[in-house]
Protein backbone atom coordinates (compact mmCIF):
# COMPACT_ATOMS: atom_id res chain seq x y z
CA MET A 1 -201.24 -51.29 -115.26
CA SER A 2 -198.36 -49.37 -113.62
CA LYS A 3 -200.67 -47.04 -111.71
CA SER A 4 -202.77 -50.00 -110.53
CA ILE A 5 -199.65 -51.72 -109.15
CA ALA A 6 -198.65 -48.61 -107.21
CA ALA A 7 -202.14 -48.20 -105.75
CA GLN A 8 -202.33 -51.86 -104.69
CA LEU A 9 -198.90 -51.74 -103.07
CA LEU A 10 -199.82 -48.60 -101.13
CA THR A 11 -202.99 -50.31 -99.89
CA TRP A 12 -200.96 -53.36 -98.87
CA TYR A 13 -198.43 -51.14 -97.09
CA HIS A 14 -200.98 -49.29 -95.00
CA GLN A 15 -202.36 -52.63 -93.85
CA ASN A 16 -199.03 -54.38 -93.26
CA LYS A 17 -196.26 -51.82 -92.69
CA ARG A 18 -193.69 -52.56 -90.03
CA THR A 19 -193.42 -50.36 -86.96
CA LEU A 20 -189.85 -49.04 -87.02
CA PRO A 21 -188.27 -46.34 -84.82
CA TRP A 22 -187.23 -44.16 -87.76
CA ARG A 23 -190.59 -44.22 -89.53
CA ASP A 24 -192.77 -41.13 -89.28
CA HIS A 25 -189.88 -39.51 -87.39
CA SER A 26 -190.02 -35.73 -87.25
CA ASP A 27 -186.27 -35.33 -87.79
CA PRO A 28 -184.77 -35.96 -91.27
CA TYR A 29 -181.49 -36.75 -89.50
CA ALA A 30 -183.07 -39.94 -88.11
CA VAL A 31 -184.13 -41.03 -91.62
CA TRP A 32 -180.61 -40.39 -92.89
CA VAL A 33 -178.97 -42.39 -90.10
CA SER A 34 -181.36 -45.30 -90.57
CA GLU A 35 -180.84 -45.42 -94.33
CA ILE A 36 -177.06 -45.54 -93.94
CA MET A 37 -177.33 -48.29 -91.31
CA LEU A 38 -179.70 -50.30 -93.48
CA GLN A 39 -177.19 -50.51 -96.33
CA GLN A 40 -176.13 -54.18 -96.48
CA THR A 41 -177.67 -54.81 -93.03
CA ARG A 42 -180.89 -56.48 -91.89
CA VAL A 43 -183.64 -54.38 -90.33
CA ASP A 44 -183.76 -56.45 -87.13
CA THR A 45 -180.05 -55.83 -86.59
CA VAL A 46 -180.30 -52.11 -87.25
CA ILE A 47 -183.09 -51.32 -84.74
CA GLY A 48 -180.92 -51.61 -81.63
CA TYR A 49 -177.97 -49.80 -83.20
CA PHE A 50 -180.24 -46.99 -84.39
CA GLN A 51 -181.71 -46.46 -80.93
CA HIS A 52 -178.28 -46.41 -79.27
CA TRP A 53 -176.98 -44.05 -81.94
CA MET A 54 -179.82 -41.57 -81.48
CA ASP A 55 -179.31 -41.68 -77.71
CA LYS A 56 -175.60 -40.93 -78.09
CA PHE A 57 -175.76 -38.57 -81.09
CA PRO A 58 -179.31 -37.15 -81.14
CA SER A 59 -178.55 -34.41 -83.65
CA ILE A 60 -176.25 -33.47 -86.51
CA GLU A 61 -174.50 -31.06 -84.14
CA ASP A 62 -173.79 -33.85 -81.66
CA LEU A 63 -172.42 -36.14 -84.36
CA ALA A 64 -170.26 -33.39 -85.86
CA ALA A 65 -168.69 -32.71 -82.45
CA ALA A 66 -168.02 -36.39 -81.69
CA ASP A 67 -164.62 -38.08 -81.72
CA GLU A 68 -164.23 -40.57 -84.58
CA GLN A 69 -163.24 -43.36 -82.20
CA ASP A 70 -166.52 -42.89 -80.30
CA VAL A 71 -168.39 -43.03 -83.59
CA LEU A 72 -166.66 -46.25 -84.64
CA ASN A 73 -167.13 -47.75 -81.18
CA LEU A 74 -170.89 -47.26 -81.38
CA TRP A 75 -170.92 -48.72 -84.91
CA GLU A 76 -168.91 -51.79 -83.92
CA GLY A 77 -170.58 -54.99 -85.09
CA LEU A 78 -172.53 -53.39 -87.95
CA GLY A 79 -169.62 -53.78 -90.38
CA TYR A 80 -168.88 -51.70 -93.48
CA TYR A 81 -167.25 -49.10 -91.24
CA SER A 82 -166.78 -46.59 -94.03
CA ARG A 83 -170.50 -45.89 -93.54
CA ALA A 84 -169.85 -44.59 -90.02
CA ARG A 85 -166.86 -42.53 -91.11
CA ASN A 86 -168.87 -41.00 -93.95
CA LEU A 87 -171.75 -40.17 -91.61
CA HIS A 88 -169.27 -38.40 -89.36
CA LYS A 89 -167.65 -36.52 -92.25
CA ALA A 90 -171.03 -35.50 -93.64
CA ALA A 91 -172.21 -34.24 -90.24
CA LYS A 92 -169.13 -32.03 -89.97
CA LEU A 93 -169.77 -30.70 -93.47
CA LEU A 94 -173.44 -30.02 -92.70
CA PHE A 95 -172.51 -28.25 -89.49
CA ALA A 96 -169.93 -26.08 -91.24
CA GLU A 97 -171.74 -25.26 -94.47
CA TYR A 98 -175.46 -26.07 -94.16
CA ASP A 99 -176.35 -24.73 -90.68
CA ALA A 100 -176.53 -28.36 -89.47
CA GLN A 101 -179.51 -29.08 -91.76
CA LEU A 102 -179.87 -31.81 -94.38
CA PRO A 103 -180.65 -30.49 -97.87
CA GLU A 104 -183.95 -31.68 -99.30
CA ASP A 105 -183.21 -32.37 -102.96
CA THR A 106 -181.45 -35.46 -104.28
CA LYS A 107 -178.67 -33.59 -106.13
CA SER A 108 -177.57 -31.74 -103.00
CA LEU A 109 -177.85 -34.87 -100.86
CA MET A 110 -175.63 -36.81 -103.26
CA LYS A 111 -172.83 -34.31 -102.68
CA LEU A 112 -172.52 -35.55 -99.10
CA PRO A 113 -170.07 -38.39 -98.27
CA GLY A 114 -171.68 -41.82 -98.34
CA ILE A 115 -174.93 -40.80 -100.05
CA GLY A 116 -175.61 -42.28 -103.47
CA ARG A 117 -178.60 -42.15 -105.78
CA TYR A 118 -180.80 -44.56 -103.82
CA THR A 119 -180.06 -43.10 -100.37
CA ALA A 120 -180.62 -39.56 -101.62
CA ALA A 121 -183.99 -40.57 -103.07
CA ALA A 122 -185.01 -42.38 -99.88
CA ILE A 123 -184.15 -39.38 -97.69
CA SER A 124 -185.73 -36.85 -100.05
CA SER A 125 -188.98 -38.80 -100.36
CA MET A 126 -189.36 -40.11 -96.81
CA ALA A 127 -188.02 -37.17 -94.83
CA PHE A 128 -189.15 -34.28 -97.02
CA GLY A 129 -192.04 -35.66 -99.09
CA HIS A 130 -190.45 -35.04 -102.49
CA ASP A 131 -191.29 -37.14 -105.55
CA ALA A 132 -188.04 -39.11 -105.77
CA ALA A 133 -187.95 -42.66 -107.13
CA ALA A 134 -185.79 -45.11 -105.18
CA LEU A 135 -184.17 -48.38 -106.16
CA ASP A 136 -182.59 -50.72 -103.60
CA GLY A 137 -182.11 -54.49 -103.59
CA ASN A 138 -185.70 -55.29 -102.60
CA ILE A 139 -187.16 -52.87 -105.14
CA ARG A 140 -184.97 -54.19 -107.96
CA ARG A 141 -186.18 -57.71 -107.24
CA VAL A 142 -189.85 -56.67 -107.23
CA TYR A 143 -189.59 -54.76 -110.50
CA ALA A 144 -187.49 -57.46 -112.18
CA ARG A 145 -190.27 -59.96 -111.47
CA VAL A 146 -193.31 -57.80 -112.09
CA PHE A 147 -191.96 -56.49 -115.42
CA ASN A 148 -189.97 -59.63 -116.33
CA VAL A 149 -186.65 -57.83 -116.72
CA GLU A 150 -184.33 -60.23 -118.55
CA GLU A 151 -181.14 -58.17 -118.33
CA VAL A 152 -178.53 -59.27 -115.80
CA LEU A 153 -178.82 -57.44 -112.49
CA GLY A 154 -176.05 -54.89 -111.98
CA THR A 155 -175.41 -54.24 -115.65
CA ARG A 156 -175.88 -50.82 -117.22
CA ASP A 157 -178.83 -52.06 -119.31
CA ALA A 158 -180.61 -53.49 -116.27
CA GLU A 159 -180.06 -50.31 -114.25
CA THR A 160 -181.41 -48.15 -117.06
CA ILE A 161 -184.55 -50.27 -117.36
CA LEU A 162 -185.15 -50.53 -113.59
CA TRP A 163 -184.65 -46.82 -112.90
CA GLY A 164 -186.97 -46.08 -115.82
CA ILE A 165 -189.65 -48.30 -114.29
CA ALA A 166 -189.13 -46.75 -110.85
CA GLU A 167 -189.60 -43.22 -112.18
CA ASP A 168 -192.53 -44.13 -114.42
CA ILE A 169 -194.53 -45.99 -111.77
CA LEU A 170 -193.91 -43.52 -108.93
CA PRO A 171 -197.22 -42.17 -107.55
CA LYS A 172 -196.89 -38.39 -107.29
CA GLY A 173 -197.27 -36.98 -103.80
CA LYS A 174 -196.92 -40.41 -102.20
CA ALA A 175 -193.30 -41.29 -102.98
CA GLY A 176 -192.21 -41.68 -99.34
CA ASP A 177 -194.87 -44.25 -98.48
CA TYR A 178 -194.54 -45.93 -101.86
CA ASN A 179 -190.79 -46.42 -101.57
CA GLN A 180 -191.23 -47.88 -98.11
CA ALA A 181 -194.08 -50.06 -99.38
CA LEU A 182 -191.76 -51.59 -101.97
CA MET A 183 -189.06 -52.23 -99.36
CA ASP A 184 -191.47 -53.93 -96.96
CA PHE A 185 -193.14 -55.84 -99.78
CA GLY A 186 -189.80 -57.15 -101.04
CA SER A 187 -188.85 -58.20 -97.52
CA ALA A 188 -192.14 -59.88 -96.59
CA VAL A 189 -193.74 -61.15 -99.82
CA CYS A 190 -191.50 -60.87 -102.88
CA THR A 191 -188.60 -62.52 -101.07
CA PRO A 192 -185.32 -63.65 -102.70
CA ARG A 193 -186.27 -67.32 -102.33
CA ASN A 194 -189.73 -68.90 -102.17
CA PRO A 195 -191.72 -65.70 -102.74
CA ILE A 196 -195.30 -65.83 -101.45
CA CYS A 197 -196.83 -65.46 -104.89
CA GLU A 198 -200.20 -67.10 -104.21
CA ASN A 199 -201.13 -64.43 -101.66
CA CYS A 200 -199.45 -61.55 -103.48
CA PRO A 201 -201.81 -58.60 -104.10
CA ILE A 202 -200.26 -57.89 -107.50
CA ASN A 203 -199.71 -61.43 -108.82
CA LYS A 204 -202.19 -60.86 -111.67
CA ASP A 205 -199.99 -58.02 -112.89
CA CYS A 206 -196.69 -59.87 -112.33
CA GLU A 207 -195.28 -61.06 -115.65
CA ALA A 208 -192.80 -63.47 -114.05
CA TYR A 209 -195.55 -65.11 -111.97
CA GLN A 210 -197.82 -65.47 -114.96
CA LEU A 211 -194.97 -67.18 -116.82
CA ASP A 212 -194.04 -69.22 -113.70
CA ILE A 213 -190.46 -67.94 -113.80
CA GLN A 214 -190.46 -65.83 -110.63
CA GLU A 215 -187.60 -67.89 -109.18
CA MET A 216 -185.56 -67.00 -112.28
CA ARG A 217 -185.93 -63.25 -111.75
CA PRO A 218 -183.95 -61.18 -111.27
CA VAL A 219 -181.25 -62.61 -113.52
CA ARG A 220 -178.00 -62.53 -111.56
CA LYS A 221 -174.36 -62.72 -112.49
CA THR A 222 -172.69 -66.07 -111.95
CA LYS A 223 -171.05 -66.01 -108.54
CA LYS A 224 -167.32 -66.53 -108.37
CA ALA A 225 -165.72 -68.78 -105.79
CA VAL A 226 -165.19 -66.90 -102.51
CA PRO A 227 -161.47 -66.59 -101.65
CA TYR A 228 -160.40 -68.08 -98.32
CA HIS A 229 -157.39 -66.89 -96.32
CA ILE A 230 -155.70 -68.04 -93.12
CA HIS A 231 -154.30 -65.45 -90.72
CA ALA A 232 -152.25 -65.66 -87.56
CA GLY A 233 -152.46 -63.06 -84.80
CA ALA A 234 -150.10 -62.16 -81.96
CA VAL A 235 -151.44 -61.45 -78.48
CA ILE A 236 -148.52 -59.71 -76.78
CA ILE A 237 -148.97 -59.00 -73.06
CA GLU A 238 -146.65 -57.16 -70.68
CA ASP A 239 -147.55 -55.91 -67.20
CA LYS A 240 -151.26 -56.64 -67.78
CA LYS A 241 -151.25 -54.55 -70.93
CA VAL A 242 -151.71 -55.86 -74.46
CA LEU A 243 -150.29 -54.40 -77.67
CA ILE A 244 -152.81 -53.36 -80.33
CA ALA A 245 -152.46 -51.42 -83.56
CA GLN A 246 -154.77 -49.07 -85.43
CA ARG A 247 -155.52 -49.86 -89.05
CA PRO A 248 -155.05 -47.19 -91.76
CA GLN A 249 -157.98 -44.80 -92.15
CA LYS A 250 -158.63 -45.93 -95.72
CA GLY A 251 -159.49 -49.47 -96.68
CA LEU A 252 -161.07 -52.42 -94.89
CA LEU A 253 -161.90 -51.68 -91.23
CA GLY A 254 -160.31 -48.25 -91.56
CA GLY A 255 -159.47 -46.66 -88.21
CA MET A 256 -160.32 -49.80 -86.22
CA TRP A 257 -157.93 -51.49 -83.77
CA GLU A 258 -156.48 -54.97 -84.13
CA PHE A 259 -154.05 -57.43 -82.64
CA PRO A 260 -150.93 -57.60 -84.83
CA ASN A 261 -151.58 -60.24 -87.49
CA GLY A 262 -150.88 -61.32 -91.03
CA ARG A 263 -151.84 -63.81 -93.72
CA ILE A 264 -149.99 -67.11 -93.61
CA GLU A 265 -149.33 -69.80 -96.18
CA GLU A 266 -148.85 -73.01 -94.21
CA ASN A 267 -147.61 -72.99 -90.62
CA PRO A 268 -148.92 -70.21 -88.31
CA VAL A 269 -146.33 -70.76 -85.58
CA GLN A 270 -143.35 -70.71 -87.92
CA GLU A 271 -144.56 -67.80 -90.06
CA LEU A 272 -146.00 -65.58 -87.34
CA ALA A 273 -142.74 -64.03 -86.12
CA MET A 274 -141.72 -62.98 -89.62
CA LEU A 275 -145.18 -61.57 -90.37
CA ILE A 276 -145.28 -59.46 -87.22
CA TRP A 277 -141.79 -58.11 -87.80
CA GLU A 278 -142.52 -57.22 -91.44
CA GLY A 279 -145.91 -55.69 -90.70
CA TYR A 280 -145.35 -54.03 -87.33
CA GLN A 281 -141.59 -54.01 -86.59
CA VAL A 282 -142.14 -56.07 -83.46
CA LYS A 283 -139.88 -59.03 -82.67
CA ILE A 284 -141.86 -61.85 -81.11
CA ARG A 285 -141.77 -65.54 -80.37
CA ALA A 286 -145.02 -67.49 -80.71
CA GLY A 287 -146.21 -69.38 -77.66
CA ASN A 288 -149.41 -71.18 -76.69
CA PRO A 289 -152.53 -70.84 -78.84
CA LEU A 290 -155.38 -68.67 -77.53
CA GLY A 291 -157.99 -69.77 -80.06
CA LYS A 292 -159.26 -69.34 -83.60
CA VAL A 293 -161.93 -67.20 -85.24
CA ASP A 294 -163.79 -67.82 -88.51
CA HIS A 295 -165.36 -64.85 -90.27
CA ALA A 296 -166.88 -64.04 -93.66
CA TYR A 297 -166.38 -60.59 -95.15
CA THR A 298 -168.23 -59.45 -98.26
CA HIS A 299 -165.75 -60.80 -100.79
CA PHE A 300 -163.65 -63.32 -98.86
CA LYS A 301 -163.53 -65.55 -95.79
CA ILE A 302 -160.80 -65.97 -93.21
CA THR A 303 -159.76 -68.10 -90.28
CA GLU A 304 -157.46 -66.37 -87.80
CA TYR A 305 -155.40 -68.33 -85.26
CA ALA A 306 -154.41 -66.25 -82.24
CA PHE A 307 -151.30 -67.03 -80.18
CA PHE A 308 -149.89 -65.71 -76.96
CA CYS A 309 -146.50 -64.26 -77.86
CA THR A 310 -143.46 -62.97 -76.02
CA MET A 311 -141.71 -59.87 -77.26
CA SER A 312 -137.96 -59.40 -77.63
CA GLY A 313 -137.89 -56.09 -79.46
CA LEU A 314 -140.20 -53.25 -80.39
CA SER A 315 -139.97 -50.14 -82.52
CA ILE A 316 -143.30 -48.65 -81.42
CA ARG A 317 -145.11 -46.47 -83.94
CA GLU A 318 -147.87 -43.89 -83.72
CA ASN A 319 -150.53 -46.39 -84.67
CA MET A 320 -149.63 -48.81 -81.84
CA ARG A 321 -150.68 -48.69 -78.22
CA TRP A 322 -150.31 -50.65 -74.98
CA VAL A 323 -153.81 -51.05 -73.54
CA ASP A 324 -154.96 -52.33 -70.17
CA LEU A 325 -156.73 -55.66 -70.62
CA ASN A 326 -159.84 -54.22 -68.96
CA ASP A 327 -159.97 -51.29 -71.40
CA LEU A 328 -160.16 -53.20 -74.70
CA ASP A 329 -163.88 -52.47 -75.00
CA ASP A 330 -163.02 -48.78 -75.39
CA TYR A 331 -161.21 -49.46 -78.68
CA PRO A 332 -163.41 -50.15 -81.75
CA MET A 333 -162.53 -53.46 -83.40
CA GLY A 334 -163.77 -55.62 -86.24
CA LYS A 335 -165.53 -58.88 -85.41
CA VAL A 336 -162.40 -61.06 -85.61
CA ASP A 337 -160.37 -58.96 -83.21
CA ARG A 338 -163.33 -58.45 -80.89
CA GLU A 339 -163.70 -62.22 -80.64
CA ILE A 340 -160.00 -62.51 -79.81
CA ALA A 341 -160.43 -59.81 -77.15
CA LYS A 342 -163.34 -61.79 -75.66
CA MET A 343 -161.23 -64.96 -75.60
CA LEU A 344 -158.48 -63.02 -73.88
CA GLY A 345 -160.92 -61.68 -71.30
CA GLU A 346 -162.24 -65.17 -70.58
CA ASN A 347 -158.69 -66.50 -70.31
CA ASN A 348 -157.80 -63.86 -67.74
CA ALA A 349 -161.06 -64.01 -65.78
């Protein structure tokens, strides 16, 4: 049955595969970039970013020679910025130790920053034609339904079973197309909700469909309540320049720029001055509101209220900079701070 499923999915893929700029690309670098961008990001969103990236950094050599701020600037809006920093680090490593060439095998690929088991398998199979089984979110869902995997997704038992299926069912010599077939199939047919089971080419072989439990597979962990935080931000302007700060390299939004801000408990106006002094050593007084921004990160949500502020004292540090209002686009920011920058631009238009 396993071999029949693989053959049917390959037939479906050749009839229905999406046209994407990184598919059938002659350069493994393009496959690598696309796979990193596609982590936690929709295909439609990635296409434009991928094309701009390849225009700006067309080779490993170009990426290795780039400034990190330029790399982050081009990545802005994709989120999960550690992906961009790891791409940059890996390019430098490849340039220094691998003659600016990606290794072909999964073990060597996994030694590079930001490349795990799935990404290594995707690159090895799609860029180099090796027989490497892959397992991403779409593929896990397909296998969990077809083989009625009852173990909770994300657990060690589930991973062992799913990787075993992936390696067992892999059609030799066709791994690249097969892995992409599973990804497209999971996106177009075996969708997270309301899968198109009636027109599915493998529904006769799908155990979950035959049992009418496809909506119950894969079995997922119970979701916890998403934490919600309120922040207040200070927009400090002097002589048509605004004060921004660079976040630490490690952690959320590492290396990005932000308006001084902090988490509040109750009253943004009353708490803002203390927060900015404690976090940035800047003495301010909160003034008129500029606006508010709502944003959802992976594990929490925030609302940030931005205020125009006047400054009475500053102990400027290396990570802080006065920037011309017209130059804010040159500094990579997360979505919240970019929205504040846009509000500021509209206010000063």
